[in-house]
Amino acid sequence: TIYADSMKGRFTISRDNGKSTLHLQMNSLKAEDTAVYYCSAEYV
């Protein structure tokens, strides 16, 4: 895993390969976290 500095310790990314699902647990949210959040998938 890799996190942006401002998210370290507050956000946790995880994946469930059996369900082809990605998660993002976001805690201690701040006003500056307001945004549209996008999922990405990269291989080639």
Full PDB file with SEQRES, HELIX, SHEET, SSBOND, CRYST1, ORIGX, SCALE, CONECT and MASTER records, all heavy atoms in Angstrom:
SEQRES   1 A   44  THR ILE TYR ALA ASP SER MET LYS GLY ARG PHE THR ILE          
SEQRES   2 A   44  SER ARG ASP ASN GLY LYS SER THR LEU HIS LEU GLN MET          
SEQRES   3 A   44  ASN SER LEU LYS ALA GLU ASP THR ALA VAL TYR TYR CYS          
SEQRES   4 A   44  SER ALA GLU TYR VAL                                          
HELIX    1 AA1 ASP A    5  MET A    7  5                                   3    
HELIX    2 AA2 ASN A   17  LYS A   19  5                                   3    
HELIX    3 AA3 ALA A   31  ASP A   33  5                                   3    
SHEET    1 AA1 2 PHE A  11  ASP A  16  0                                        
SHEET    2 AA1 2 THR A  21  MET A  26 -1                                        
CRYST1    1.000    1.000    1.000  90.00  90.00  90.00 P 1           1          
ORIGX1      1.000000  0.000000  0.000000        0.00000                         
ORIGX2      0.000000  1.000000  0.000000        0.00000                         
ORIGX3      0.000000  0.000000  1.000000        0.00000                         
SCALE1      1.000000  0.000000  0.000000        0.00000                         
SCALE2      0.000000  1.000000  0.000000        0.00000                         
SCALE3      0.000000  0.000000  1.000000        0.00000                         
ATOM      1  N   THR A   1       0.819  -1.204   0.000  1.00  0.00           N  
ATOM      2  CA  THR A   1       0.000   0.000   0.000  1.00  0.00           C  
ATOM      3  C   THR A   1       0.860   1.265   0.000  1.00  0.00           C  
ATOM      4  O   THR A   1       1.978   1.277   0.531  1.00  0.00           O  
ATOM      5  CB  THR A   1      -0.940   0.038   1.214  1.00  0.00           C  
ATOM      6  OG1 THR A   1      -0.161  -0.045   2.413  1.00  0.00           O  
ATOM      7  CG2 THR A   1      -1.937  -1.102   1.175  1.00  0.00           C  
ATOM      8  N   ILE A   2       0.315   2.290  -0.592  1.00  0.00           N  
ATOM      9  CA  ILE A   2       0.931   3.617  -0.607  1.00  0.00           C  
ATOM     10  C   ILE A   2      -0.174   4.616  -0.278  1.00  0.00           C  
ATOM     11  O   ILE A   2      -1.281   4.509  -0.804  1.00  0.00           O  
ATOM     12  CB  ILE A   2       1.534   3.947  -1.983  1.00  0.00           C  
ATOM     13  CG1 ILE A   2       2.705   3.009  -2.297  1.00  0.00           C  
ATOM     14  CG2 ILE A   2       1.991   5.404  -2.037  1.00  0.00           C  
ATOM     15  CD1 ILE A   2       3.251   3.201  -3.700  1.00  0.00           C  
ATOM     16  N   TYR A   3       0.153   5.586   0.574  1.00  0.00           N  
ATOM     17  CA  TYR A   3      -0.796   6.629   0.941  1.00  0.00           C  
ATOM     18  C   TYR A   3      -0.197   8.006   0.700  1.00  0.00           C  
ATOM     19  O   TYR A   3       1.010   8.216   0.905  1.00  0.00           O  
ATOM     20  CB  TYR A   3      -1.176   6.533   2.424  1.00  0.00           C  
ATOM     21  CG  TYR A   3      -1.945   5.291   2.793  1.00  0.00           C  
ATOM     22  CD1 TYR A   3      -1.283   4.137   3.205  1.00  0.00           C  
ATOM     23  CD2 TYR A   3      -3.330   5.266   2.719  1.00  0.00           C  
ATOM     24  CE1 TYR A   3      -1.982   2.984   3.538  1.00  0.00           C  
ATOM     25  CE2 TYR A   3      -4.045   4.120   3.060  1.00  0.00           C  
ATOM     26  CZ  TYR A   3      -3.359   2.989   3.464  1.00  0.00           C  
ATOM     27  OH  TYR A   3      -4.070   1.856   3.787  1.00  0.00           O  
ATOM     28  N   ALA A   4      -1.042   8.939   0.316  1.00  0.00           N  
ATOM     29  CA  ALA A   4      -0.623  10.328   0.316  1.00  0.00           C  
ATOM     30  C   ALA A   4      -0.380  10.748   1.762  1.00  0.00           C  
ATOM     31  O   ALA A   4      -1.047  10.256   2.688  1.00  0.00           O  
ATOM     32  CB  ALA A   4      -1.700  11.195  -0.314  1.00  0.00           C  
ATOM     33  N   ASP A   5       0.561  11.647   1.948  1.00  0.00           N  
ATOM     34  CA  ASP A   5       0.969  12.015   3.311  1.00  0.00           C  
ATOM     35  C   ASP A   5      -0.202  12.488   4.163  1.00  0.00           C  
ATOM     36  O   ASP A   5      -0.294  12.148   5.349  1.00  0.00           O  
ATOM     37  CB  ASP A   5       2.045  13.100   3.253  1.00  0.00           C  
ATOM     38  CG  ASP A   5       3.395  12.564   2.811  1.00  0.00           C  
ATOM     39  OD1 ASP A   5       3.566  11.325   2.844  1.00  0.00           O  
ATOM     40  OD2 ASP A   5       4.251  13.363   2.443  1.00  0.00           O  
ATOM     41  N   SER A   6      -1.094  13.261   3.583  1.00  0.00           N  
ATOM     42  CA  SER A   6      -2.179  13.841   4.374  1.00  0.00           C  
ATOM     43  C   SER A   6      -3.231  12.812   4.792  1.00  0.00           C  
ATOM     44  O   SER A   6      -4.080  13.099   5.636  1.00  0.00           O  
ATOM     45  CB  SER A   6      -2.849  14.972   3.599  1.00  0.00           C  
ATOM     46  OG  SER A   6      -3.410  14.488   2.401  1.00  0.00           O  
ATOM     47  N   MET A   7      -3.173  11.611   4.214  1.00  0.00           N  
ATOM     48  CA  MET A   7      -4.132  10.571   4.532  1.00  0.00           C  
ATOM     49  C   MET A   7      -3.565   9.500   5.465  1.00  0.00           C  
ATOM     50  O   MET A   7      -4.324   8.699   6.012  1.00  0.00           O  
ATOM     51  CB  MET A   7      -4.610   9.866   3.263  1.00  0.00           C  
ATOM     52  CG  MET A   7      -5.552  10.687   2.388  1.00  0.00           C  
ATOM     53  SD  MET A   7      -4.716  12.094   1.636  1.00  0.00           S  
ATOM     54  CE  MET A   7      -5.670  12.413   0.201  1.00  0.00           C  
ATOM     55  N   LYS A   8      -2.247   9.491   5.633  1.00  0.00           N  
ATOM     56  CA  LYS A   8      -1.630   8.460   6.461  1.00  0.00           C  
ATOM     57  C   LYS A   8      -2.169   8.511   7.885  1.00  0.00           C  
ATOM     58  O   LYS A   8      -2.273   9.580   8.482  1.00  0.00           O  
ATOM     59  CB  LYS A   8      -0.110   8.638   6.484  1.00  0.00           C  
ATOM     60  CG  LYS A   8       0.579   8.264   5.187  1.00  0.00           C  
ATOM     61  CD  LYS A   8       2.085   8.464   5.287  1.00  0.00           C  
ATOM     62  CE  LYS A   8       2.762   8.125   3.984  1.00  0.00           C  
ATOM     63  NZ  LYS A   8       4.221   8.392   4.030  1.00  0.00           N  
ATOM     64  N   GLY A   9      -2.528   7.339   8.393  1.00  0.00           N  
ATOM     65  CA  GLY A   9      -3.045   7.246   9.752  1.00  0.00           C  
ATOM     66  C   GLY A   9      -4.529   7.503   9.868  1.00  0.00           C  
ATOM     67  O   GLY A   9      -5.125   7.208  10.907  1.00  0.00           O  
ATOM     68  N   ARG A  10      -5.153   8.040   8.829  1.00  0.00           N  
ATOM     69  CA  ARG A  10      -6.598   8.308   8.861  1.00  0.00           C  
ATOM     70  C   ARG A  10      -7.356   7.413   7.898  1.00  0.00           C  
ATOM     71  O   ARG A  10      -8.488   7.020   8.165  1.00  0.00           O  
ATOM     72  CB  ARG A  10      -6.873   9.770   8.502  1.00  0.00           C  
ATOM     73  CG  ARG A  10      -6.262  10.776   9.453  1.00  0.00           C  
ATOM     74  CD  ARG A  10      -6.800  12.173   9.191  1.00  0.00           C  
ATOM     75  NE  ARG A  10      -6.521  12.630   7.834  1.00  0.00           N  
ATOM     76  CZ  ARG A  10      -7.454  13.077   6.990  1.00  0.00           C  
ATOM     77  NH1 ARG A  10      -8.735  13.104   7.344  1.00  0.00           N  
ATOM     78  NH2 ARG A  10      -7.108  13.497   5.773  1.00  0.00           N  
ATOM     79  N   PHE A  11      -6.750   7.115   6.744  1.00  0.00           N  
ATOM     80  CA  PHE A  11      -7.411   6.321   5.702  1.00  0.00           C  
ATOM     81  C   PHE A  11      -6.752   4.955   5.602  1.00  0.00           C  
ATOM     82  O   PHE A  11      -5.531   4.828   5.781  1.00  0.00           O  
ATOM     83  CB  PHE A  11      -7.305   7.019   4.356  1.00  0.00           C  
ATOM     84  CG  PHE A  11      -8.085   8.304   4.222  1.00  0.00           C  
ATOM     85  CD1 PHE A  11      -8.726   8.878   5.305  1.00  0.00           C  
ATOM     86  CD2 PHE A  11      -8.172   8.931   2.986  1.00  0.00           C  
ATOM     87  CE1 PHE A  11      -9.438  10.061   5.175  1.00  0.00           C  
ATOM     88  CE2 PHE A  11      -8.886  10.111   2.830  1.00  0.00           C  
ATOM     89  CZ  PHE A  11      -9.515  10.677   3.925  1.00  0.00           C  
ATOM     90  N   THR A  12      -7.552   3.951   5.285  1.00  0.00           N  
ATOM     91  CA  THR A  12      -7.042   2.604   5.075  1.00  0.00           C  
ATOM     92  C   THR A  12      -7.636   2.033   3.801  1.00  0.00           C  
ATOM     93  O   THR A  12      -8.859   1.948   3.664  1.00  0.00           O  
ATOM     94  CB  THR A  12      -7.383   1.681   6.247  1.00  0.00           C  
ATOM     95  OG1 THR A  12      -6.854   2.223   7.462  1.00  0.00           O  
ATOM     96  CG2 THR A  12      -6.787   0.285   6.020  1.00  0.00           C  
ATOM     97  N   ILE A  13      -6.756   1.654   2.878  1.00  0.00           N  
ATOM     98  CA  ILE A  13      -7.200   1.018   1.635  1.00  0.00           C  
ATOM     99  C   ILE A  13      -7.112  -0.493   1.806  1.00  0.00           C  
ATOM    100  O   ILE A  13      -6.175  -1.009   2.447  1.00  0.00           O  
ATOM    101  CB  ILE A  13      -6.354   1.509   0.441  1.00  0.00           C  
ATOM    102  CG1 ILE A  13      -6.960   1.042  -0.880  1.00  0.00           C  
ATOM    103  CG2 ILE A  13      -4.899   1.075   0.575  1.00  0.00           C  
ATOM    104  CD1 ILE A  13      -6.297   1.685  -2.108  1.00  0.00           C  
ATOM    105  N   SER A  14      -8.083  -1.197   1.250  1.00  0.00           N  
ATOM    106  CA  SER A  14      -8.067  -2.656   1.311  1.00  0.00           C  
ATOM    107  C   SER A  14      -8.768  -3.208   0.081  1.00  0.00           C  
ATOM    108  O   SER A  14      -9.490  -2.486  -0.608  1.00  0.00           O  
ATOM    109  CB  SER A  14      -8.740  -3.157   2.590  1.00  0.00           C  
ATOM    110  OG  SER A  14     -10.105  -2.779   2.619  1.00  0.00           O  
ATOM    111  N   ARG A  15      -8.544  -4.478  -0.174  1.00  0.00           N  
ATOM    112  CA  ARG A  15      -9.162  -5.110  -1.333  1.00  0.00           C  
ATOM    113  C   ARG A  15      -9.609  -6.511  -0.984  1.00  0.00           C  
ATOM    114  O   ARG A  15      -8.977  -7.179  -0.150  1.00  0.00           O  
ATOM    115  CB  ARG A  15      -8.190  -5.135  -2.523  1.00  0.00           C  
ATOM    116  CG  ARG A  15      -6.952  -5.964  -2.305  1.00  0.00           C  
ATOM    117  CD  ARG A  15      -5.926  -5.709  -3.419  1.00  0.00           C  
ATOM    118  NE  ARG A  15      -6.418  -6.143  -4.712  1.00  0.00           N  
ATOM    119  CZ  ARG A  15      -5.855  -5.761  -5.879  1.00  0.00           C  
ATOM    120  NH1 ARG A  15      -4.804  -4.937  -5.875  1.00  0.00           N  
ATOM    121  NH2 ARG A  15      -6.368  -6.198  -7.024  1.00  0.00           N  
ATOM    122  N   ASP A  16     -10.672  -6.937  -1.624  1.00  0.00           N  
ATOM    123  CA  ASP A  16     -11.186  -8.298  -1.489  1.00  0.00           C  
ATOM    124  C   ASP A  16     -11.167  -8.898  -2.889  1.00  0.00           C  
ATOM    125  O   ASP A  16     -12.071  -8.655  -3.699  1.00  0.00           O  
ATOM    126  CB  ASP A  16     -12.604  -8.270  -0.912  1.00  0.00           C  
ATOM    127  CG  ASP A  16     -13.157  -9.649  -0.671  1.00  0.00           C  
ATOM    128  OD1 ASP A  16     -12.691 -10.619  -1.304  1.00  0.00           O  
ATOM    129  OD2 ASP A  16     -14.100  -9.771   0.138  1.00  0.00           O  
ATOM    130  N   ASN A  17     -10.126  -9.673  -3.171  1.00  0.00           N  
ATOM    131  CA  ASN A  17      -9.983 -10.225  -4.519  1.00  0.00           C  
ATOM    132  C   ASN A  17     -11.104 -11.215  -4.851  1.00  0.00           C  
ATOM    133  O   ASN A  17     -11.513 -11.319  -6.007  1.00  0.00           O  
ATOM    134  CB  ASN A  17      -8.627 -10.900  -4.674  1.00  0.00           C  
ATOM    135  CG  ASN A  17      -7.490  -9.896  -4.738  1.00  0.00           C  
ATOM    136  OD1 ASN A  17      -7.698  -8.713  -5.038  1.00  0.00           O  
ATOM    137  ND2 ASN A  17      -6.286 -10.352  -4.436  1.00  0.00           N  
ATOM    138  N   GLY A  18     -11.590 -11.914  -3.871  1.00  0.00           N  
ATOM    139  CA  GLY A  18     -12.677 -12.864  -4.111  1.00  0.00           C  
ATOM    140  C   GLY A  18     -13.963 -12.190  -4.562  1.00  0.00           C  
ATOM    141  O   GLY A  18     -14.757 -12.772  -5.305  1.00  0.00           O  
ATOM    142  N   LYS A  19     -14.163 -10.934  -4.122  1.00  0.00           N  
ATOM    143  CA  LYS A  19     -15.368 -10.194  -4.485  1.00  0.00           C  
ATOM    144  C   LYS A  19     -15.081  -9.073  -5.477  1.00  0.00           C  
ATOM    145  O   LYS A  19     -15.982  -8.298  -5.804  1.00  0.00           O  
ATOM    146  CB  LYS A  19     -16.014  -9.609  -3.220  1.00  0.00           C  
ATOM    147  CG  LYS A  19     -16.528 -10.658  -2.246  1.00  0.00           C  
ATOM    148  CD  LYS A  19     -17.192 -10.016  -1.041  1.00  0.00           C  
ATOM    149  CE  LYS A  19     -17.734 -11.081  -0.085  1.00  0.00           C  
ATOM    150  NZ  LYS A  19     -18.381 -10.478   1.106  1.00  0.00           N  
ATOM    151  N   SER A  20     -13.832  -8.996  -5.942  1.00  0.00           N  
ATOM    152  CA  SER A  20     -13.444  -7.944  -6.903  1.00  0.00           C  
ATOM    153  C   SER A  20     -13.874  -6.566  -6.403  1.00  0.00           C  
ATOM    154  O   SER A  20     -14.464  -5.770  -7.147  1.00  0.00           O  
ATOM    155  CB  SER A  20     -14.044  -8.205  -8.285  1.00  0.00           C  
ATOM    156  OG  SER A  20     -13.533  -9.405  -8.827  1.00  0.00           O  
ATOM    157  N   THR A  21     -13.582  -6.315  -5.142  1.00  0.00           N  
ATOM    158  CA  THR A  21     -14.031  -5.075  -4.515  1.00  0.00           C  
ATOM    159  C   THR A  21     -12.875  -4.387  -3.809  1.00  0.00           C  
ATOM    160  O   THR A  21     -12.047  -5.036  -3.154  1.00  0.00           O  
ATOM    161  CB  THR A  21     -15.163  -5.348  -3.511  1.00  0.00           C  
ATOM    162  OG1 THR A  21     -16.242  -5.996  -4.193  1.00  0.00           O  
ATOM    163  CG2 THR A  21     -15.689  -4.054  -2.906  1.00  0.00           C  
ATOM    164  N   LEU A  22     -12.837  -3.086  -3.944  1.00  0.00           N  
ATOM    165  CA  LEU A  22     -11.856  -2.228  -3.302  1.00  0.00           C  
ATOM    166  C   LEU A  22     -12.570  -1.382  -2.264  1.00  0.00           C  
ATOM    167  O   LEU A  22     -13.715  -0.971  -2.479  1.00  0.00           O  
ATOM    168  CB  LEU A  22     -11.206  -1.324  -4.352  1.00  0.00           C  
ATOM    169  CG  LEU A  22     -10.195  -0.298  -3.883  1.00  0.00           C  
ATOM    170  CD1 LEU A  22      -8.892  -0.998  -3.470  1.00  0.00           C  
ATOM    171  CD2 LEU A  22      -9.930   0.720  -4.975  1.00  0.00           C  
ATOM    172  N   HIS A  23     -11.901  -1.134  -1.144  1.00  0.00           N  
ATOM    173  CA  HIS A  23     -12.498  -0.322  -0.085  1.00  0.00           C  
ATOM    174  C   HIS A  23     -11.560   0.795   0.322  1.00  0.00           C  
ATOM    175  O   HIS A  23     -10.334   0.708   0.147  1.00  0.00           O  
ATOM    176  CB  HIS A  23     -12.799  -1.174   1.144  1.00  0.00           C  
ATOM    177  CG  HIS A  23     -13.768  -2.279   0.895  1.00  0.00           C  
ATOM    178  ND1 HIS A  23     -15.116  -2.073   0.693  1.00  0.00           N  
ATOM    179  CD2 HIS A  23     -13.573  -3.624   0.804  1.00  0.00           C  
ATOM    180  CE1 HIS A  23     -15.706  -3.230   0.500  1.00  0.00           C  
ATOM    181  NE2 HIS A  23     -14.802  -4.191   0.558  1.00  0.00           N  
ATOM    182  N   LEU A  24     -12.148   1.838   0.878  1.00  0.00           N  
ATOM    183  CA  LEU A  24     -11.371   2.900   1.508  1.00  0.00           C  
ATOM    184  C   LEU A  24     -12.095   3.285   2.798  1.00  0.00           C  
ATOM    185  O   LEU A  24     -13.193   3.847   2.739  1.00  0.00           O  
ATOM    186  CB  LEU A  24     -11.227   4.119   0.603  1.00  0.00           C  
ATOM    187  CG  LEU A  24     -10.360   5.239   1.168  1.00  0.00           C  
ATOM    188  CD1 LEU A  24      -8.893   4.803   1.222  1.00  0.00           C  
ATOM    189  CD2 LEU A  24     -10.502   6.520   0.349  1.00  0.00           C  
ATOM    190  N   GLN A  25     -11.487   2.968   3.917  1.00  0.00           N  
ATOM    191  CA  GLN A  25     -12.013   3.377   5.213  1.00  0.00           C  
ATOM    192  C   GLN A  25     -11.418   4.732   5.554  1.00  0.00           C  
ATOM    193  O   GLN A  25     -10.192   4.875   5.602  1.00  0.00           O  
ATOM    194  CB  GLN A  25     -11.654   2.356   6.293  1.00  0.00           C  
ATOM    195  CG  GLN A  25     -12.126   2.732   7.683  1.00  0.00           C  
ATOM    196  CD  GLN A  25     -13.636   2.742   7.813  1.00  0.00           C  
ATOM    197  OE1 GLN A  25     -14.323   1.849   7.313  1.00  0.00           O  
ATOM    198  NE2 GLN A  25     -14.173   3.758   8.481  1.00  0.00           N  
ATOM    199  N   MET A  26     -12.293   5.714   5.758  1.00  0.00           N  
ATOM    200  CA  MET A  26     -11.846   7.078   6.029  1.00  0.00           C  
ATOM    201  C   MET A  26     -12.315   7.481   7.421  1.00  0.00           C  
ATOM    202  O   MET A  26     -13.522   7.512   7.685  1.00  0.00           O  
ATOM    203  CB  MET A  26     -12.409   8.040   4.985  1.00  0.00           C  
ATOM    204  CG  MET A  26     -12.059   7.640   3.559  1.00  0.00           C  
ATOM    205  SD  MET A  26     -12.552   8.888   2.356  1.00  0.00           S  
ATOM    206  CE  MET A  26     -14.338   8.808   2.508  1.00  0.00           C  
ATOM    207  N   ASN A  27     -11.358   7.773   8.283  1.00  0.00           N  
ATOM    208  CA  ASN A  27     -11.660   8.183   9.645  1.00  0.00           C  
ATOM    209  C   ASN A  27     -11.153   9.601   9.895  1.00  0.00           C  
ATOM    210  O   ASN A  27     -10.342  10.119   9.126  1.00  0.00           O  
ATOM    211  CB  ASN A  27     -11.008   7.224  10.643  1.00  0.00           C  
ATOM    212  CG  ASN A  27     -11.506   5.806  10.517  1.00  0.00           C  
ATOM    213  OD1 ASN A  27     -12.668   5.563  10.184  1.00  0.00           O  
ATOM    214  ND2 ASN A  27     -10.630   4.847  10.782  1.00  0.00           N  
ATOM    215  N   SER A  28     -11.632  10.202  10.962  1.00  0.00           N  
ATOM    216  CA  SER A  28     -11.189  11.559  11.347  1.00  0.00           C  
ATOM    217  C   SER A  28     -11.270  12.522  10.166  1.00  0.00           C  
ATOM    218  O   SER A  28     -10.323  13.251   9.876  1.00  0.00           O  
ATOM    219  CB  SER A  28      -9.758  11.501  11.899  1.00  0.00           C  
ATOM    220  OG  SER A  28      -9.665  10.628  12.992  1.00  0.00           O  
ATOM    221  N   LEU A  29     -12.395  12.489   9.503  1.00  0.00           N  
ATOM    222  CA  LEU A  29     -12.545  13.292   8.289  1.00  0.00           C  
ATOM    223  C   LEU A  29     -12.526  14.782   8.594  1.00  0.00           C  
ATOM    224  O   LEU A  29     -13.011  15.230   9.645  1.00  0.00           O  
ATOM    225  CB  LEU A  29     -13.826  12.903   7.565  1.00  0.00           C  
ATOM    226  CG  LEU A  29     -13.722  11.575   6.792  1.00  0.00           C  
ATOM    227  CD1 LEU A  29     -15.101  11.024   6.471  1.00  0.00           C  
ATOM    228  CD2 LEU A  29     -12.909  11.773   5.520  1.00  0.00           C  
ATOM    229  N   LYS A  30     -11.956  15.522   7.660  1.00  0.00           N  
ATOM    230  CA  LYS A  30     -11.821  16.969   7.777  1.00  0.00           C  
ATOM    231  C   LYS A  30     -12.543  17.638   6.607  1.00  0.00           C  
ATOM    232  O   LYS A  30     -12.783  17.014   5.583  1.00  0.00           O  
ATOM    233  CB  LYS A  30     -10.343  17.358   7.735  1.00  0.00           C  
ATOM    234  CG  LYS A  30      -9.463  16.633   8.734  1.00  0.00           C  
ATOM    235  CD  LYS A  30      -8.000  16.972   8.509  1.00  0.00           C  
ATOM    236  CE  LYS A  30      -7.092  16.206   9.466  1.00  0.00           C  
ATOM    237  NZ  LYS A  30      -5.661  16.513   9.228  1.00  0.00           N  
ATOM    238  N   ALA A  31     -12.830  18.908   6.763  1.00  0.00           N  
ATOM    239  CA  ALA A  31     -13.506  19.640   5.690  1.00  0.00           C  
ATOM    240  C   ALA A  31     -12.700  19.575   4.395  1.00  0.00           C  
ATOM    241  O   ALA A  31     -13.275  19.500   3.302  1.00  0.00           O  
ATOM    242  CB  ALA A  31     -13.726  21.089   6.119  1.00  0.00           C  
ATOM    243  N   GLU A  32     -11.384  19.580   4.515  1.00  0.00           N  
ATOM    244  CA  GLU A  32     -10.543  19.544   3.316  1.00  0.00           C  
ATOM    245  C   GLU A  32     -10.528  18.190   2.621  1.00  0.00           C  
ATOM    246  O   GLU A  32      -9.923  18.046   1.561  1.00  0.00           O  
ATOM    247  CB  GLU A  32      -9.107  19.988   3.647  1.00  0.00           C  
ATOM    248  CG  GLU A  32      -8.484  19.277   4.822  1.00  0.00           C  
ATOM    249  CD  GLU A  32      -8.622  20.067   6.115  1.00  0.00           C  
ATOM    250  OE1 GLU A  32      -9.707  20.642   6.373  1.00  0.00           O  
ATOM    251  OE2 GLU A  32      -7.634  20.084   6.881  1.00  0.00           O  
ATOM    252  N   ASP A  33     -11.163  17.199   3.210  1.00  0.00           N  
ATOM    253  CA  ASP A  33     -11.320  15.911   2.538  1.00  0.00           C  
ATOM    254  C   ASP A  33     -12.505  15.915   1.570  1.00  0.00           C  
ATOM    255  O   ASP A  33     -12.723  14.939   0.849  1.00  0.00           O  
ATOM    256  CB  ASP A  33     -11.516  14.789   3.560  1.00  0.00           C  
ATOM    257  CG  ASP A  33     -10.290  14.562   4.425  1.00  0.00           C  
ATOM    258  OD1 ASP A  33      -9.171  14.578   3.874  1.00  0.00           O  
ATOM    259  OD2 ASP A  33     -10.456  14.356   5.642  1.00  0.00           O  
ATOM    260  N   THR A  34     -13.263  16.995   1.561  1.00  0.00           N  
ATOM    261  CA  THR A  34     -14.405  17.101   0.646  1.00  0.00           C  
ATOM    262  C   THR A  34     -13.927  17.063  -0.798  1.00  0.00           C  
ATOM    263  O   THR A  34     -13.064  17.850  -1.201  1.00  0.00           O  
ATOM    264  CB  THR A  34     -15.173  18.406   0.910  1.00  0.00           C  
ATOM    265  OG1 THR A  34     -15.746  18.355   2.218  1.00  0.00           O  
ATOM    266  CG2 THR A  34     -16.267  18.603  -0.121  1.00  0.00           C  
ATOM    267  N   ALA A  35     -14.460  16.126  -1.559  1.00  0.00           N  
ATOM    268  CA  ALA A  35     -14.032  15.930  -2.945  1.00  0.00           C  
ATOM    269  C   ALA A  35     -14.883  14.829  -3.569  1.00  0.00           C  
ATOM    270  O   ALA A  35     -15.634  14.139  -2.873  1.00  0.00           O  
ATOM    271  CB  ALA A  35     -12.556  15.535  -2.999  1.00  0.00           C  
ATOM    272  N   VAL A  36     -14.711  14.688  -4.867  1.00  0.00           N  
ATOM    273  CA  VAL A  36     -15.214  13.493  -5.541  1.00  0.00           C  
ATOM    274  C   VAL A  36     -14.099  12.455  -5.501  1.00  0.00           C  
ATOM    275  O   VAL A  36     -12.957  12.751  -5.869  1.00  0.00           O  
ATOM    276  CB  VAL A  36     -15.625  13.787  -6.994  1.00  0.00           C  
ATOM    277  CG1 VAL A  36     -16.086  12.497  -7.684  1.00  0.00           C  
ATOM    278  CG2 VAL A  36     -16.726  14.831  -7.035  1.00  0.00           C  
ATOM    279  N   TYR A  37     -14.439  11.271  -5.031  1.00  0.00           N  
ATOM    280  CA  TYR A  37     -13.466  10.193  -4.889  1.00  0.00           C  
ATOM    281  C   TYR A  37     -13.647   9.195  -6.026  1.00  0.00           C  
ATOM    282  O   TYR A  37     -14.768   8.720  -6.274  1.00  0.00           O  
ATOM    283  CB  TYR A  37     -13.614   9.514  -3.536  1.00  0.00           C  
ATOM    284  CG  TYR A  37     -13.042  10.342  -2.409  1.00  0.00           C  
ATOM    285  CD1 TYR A  37     -13.662  11.516  -2.004  1.00  0.00           C  
ATOM    286  CD2 TYR A  37     -11.861   9.968  -1.764  1.00  0.00           C  
ATOM    287  CE1 TYR A  37     -13.137  12.292  -0.993  1.00  0.00           C  
ATOM    288  CE2 TYR A  37     -11.322  10.738  -0.743  1.00  0.00           C  
ATOM    289  CZ  TYR A  37     -11.969  11.909  -0.375  1.00  0.00           C  
ATOM    290  OH  TYR A  37     -11.424  12.680   0.633  1.00  0.00           O  
ATOM    291  N   TYR A  38     -12.533   8.882  -6.682  1.00  0.00           N  
ATOM    292  CA  TYR A  38     -12.548   7.999  -7.847  1.00  0.00           C  
ATOM    293  C   TYR A  38     -11.754   6.726  -7.570  1.00  0.00           C  
ATOM    294  O   TYR A  38     -10.662   6.770  -6.988  1.00  0.00           O  
ATOM    295  CB  TYR A  38     -11.914   8.686  -9.050  1.00  0.00           C  
ATOM    296  CG  TYR A  38     -12.664   9.906  -9.534  1.00  0.00           C  
ATOM    297  CD1 TYR A  38     -12.355  11.172  -9.053  1.00  0.00           C  
ATOM    298  CD2 TYR A  38     -13.673   9.795 -10.485  1.00  0.00           C  
ATOM    299  CE1 TYR A  38     -13.024  12.302  -9.495  1.00  0.00           C  
ATOM    300  CE2 TYR A  38     -14.358  10.911 -10.937  1.00  0.00           C  
ATOM    301  CZ  TYR A  38     -14.026  12.161 -10.440  1.00  0.00           C  
ATOM    302  OH  TYR A  38     -14.696  13.275 -10.891  1.00  0.00           O  
ATOM    303  N   CYS A  39     -12.284   5.647  -8.047  1.00  0.00           N  
ATOM    304  CA  CYS A  39     -11.604   4.358  -8.013  1.00  0.00           C  
ATOM    305  C   CYS A  39     -10.828   4.186  -9.320  1.00  0.00           C  
ATOM    306  O   CYS A  39     -11.315   4.597 -10.388  1.00  0.00           O  
ATOM    307  CB  CYS A  39     -12.667   3.266  -7.871  1.00  0.00           C  
ATOM    308  SG  CYS A  39     -12.118   1.580  -8.075  1.00  0.00           S  
ATOM    309  N   SER A  40      -9.648   3.592  -9.236  1.00  0.00           N  
ATOM    310  CA  SER A  40      -8.876   3.315 -10.449  1.00  0.00           C  
ATOM    311  C   SER A  40      -8.379   1.886 -10.424  1.00  0.00           C  
ATOM    312  O   SER A  40      -8.171   1.297  -9.363  1.00  0.00           O  
ATOM    313  CB  SER A  40      -7.692   4.270 -10.572  1.00  0.00           C  
ATOM    314  OG  SER A  40      -6.682   3.947  -9.631  1.00  0.00           O  
ATOM    315  N   ALA A  41      -8.164   1.354 -11.634  1.00  0.00           N  
ATOM    316  CA  ALA A  41      -7.604   0.009 -11.799  1.00  0.00           C  
ATOM    317  C   ALA A  41      -6.567   0.082 -12.895  1.00  0.00           C  
ATOM    318  O   ALA A  41      -6.852   0.558 -13.996  1.00  0.00           O  
ATOM    319  CB  ALA A  41      -8.701  -0.989 -12.165  1.00  0.00           C  
ATOM    320  N   GLU A  42      -5.351  -0.361 -12.588  1.00  0.00           N  
ATOM    321  CA  GLU A  42      -4.275  -0.255 -13.564  1.00  0.00           C  
ATOM    322  C   GLU A  42      -3.497  -1.554 -13.651  1.00  0.00           C  
ATOM    323  O   GLU A  42      -3.073  -2.126 -12.631  1.00  0.00           O  
ATOM    324  CB  GLU A  42      -3.336   0.892 -13.200  1.00  0.00           C  
ATOM    325  CG  GLU A  42      -2.245   1.125 -14.230  1.00  0.00           C  
ATOM    326  CD  GLU A  42      -1.467   2.401 -14.004  1.00  0.00           C  
ATOM    327  OE1 GLU A  42      -1.599   2.992 -12.911  1.00  0.00           O  
ATOM    328  OE2 GLU A  42      -0.721   2.814 -14.909  1.00  0.00           O  
ATOM    329  N   TYR A  43      -3.311  -2.000 -14.885  1.00  0.00           N  
ATOM    330  CA  TYR A  43      -2.416  -3.144 -15.142  1.00  0.00           C  
ATOM    331  C   TYR A  43      -1.565  -2.792 -16.349  1.00  0.00           C  
ATOM    332  O   TYR A  43      -0.402  -2.451 -16.205  1.00  0.00           O  
ATOM    333  CB  TYR A  43      -3.230  -4.412 -15.354  1.00  0.00           C  
ATOM    334  CG  TYR A  43      -2.391  -5.660 -15.538  1.00  0.00           C  
ATOM    335  CD1 TYR A  43      -1.475  -6.047 -14.569  1.00  0.00           C  
ATOM    336  CD2 TYR A  43      -2.529  -6.462 -16.670  1.00  0.00           C  
ATOM    337  CE1 TYR A  43      -0.705  -7.187 -14.722  1.00  0.00           C  
ATOM    338  CE2 TYR A  43      -1.768  -7.598 -16.818  1.00  0.00           C  
ATOM    339  CZ  TYR A  43      -0.851  -7.964 -15.852  1.00  0.00           C  
ATOM    340  OH  TYR A  43      -0.081  -9.086 -16.012  1.00  0.00           O  
ATOM    341  N   VAL A  44      -2.119  -2.830 -17.512  1.00  0.00           N  
ATOM    342  CA  VAL A  44      -1.476  -2.244 -18.693  1.00  0.00           C  
ATOM    343  C   VAL A  44      -2.187  -0.930 -19.003  1.00  0.00           C  
ATOM    344  O   VAL A  44      -1.570   0.107 -19.217  1.00  0.00           O  
ATOM    345  CB  VAL A  44      -1.547  -3.195 -19.901  1.00  0.00           C  
ATOM    346  CG1 VAL A  44      -0.965  -2.516 -21.137  1.00  0.00           C  
ATOM    347  CG2 VAL A  44      -0.794  -4.481 -19.582  1.00  0.00           C  
TER     348      VAL A  44                                                      
MASTER        0    0    0    3    2    0    0    6  347    1    0    4          
END                                                                             
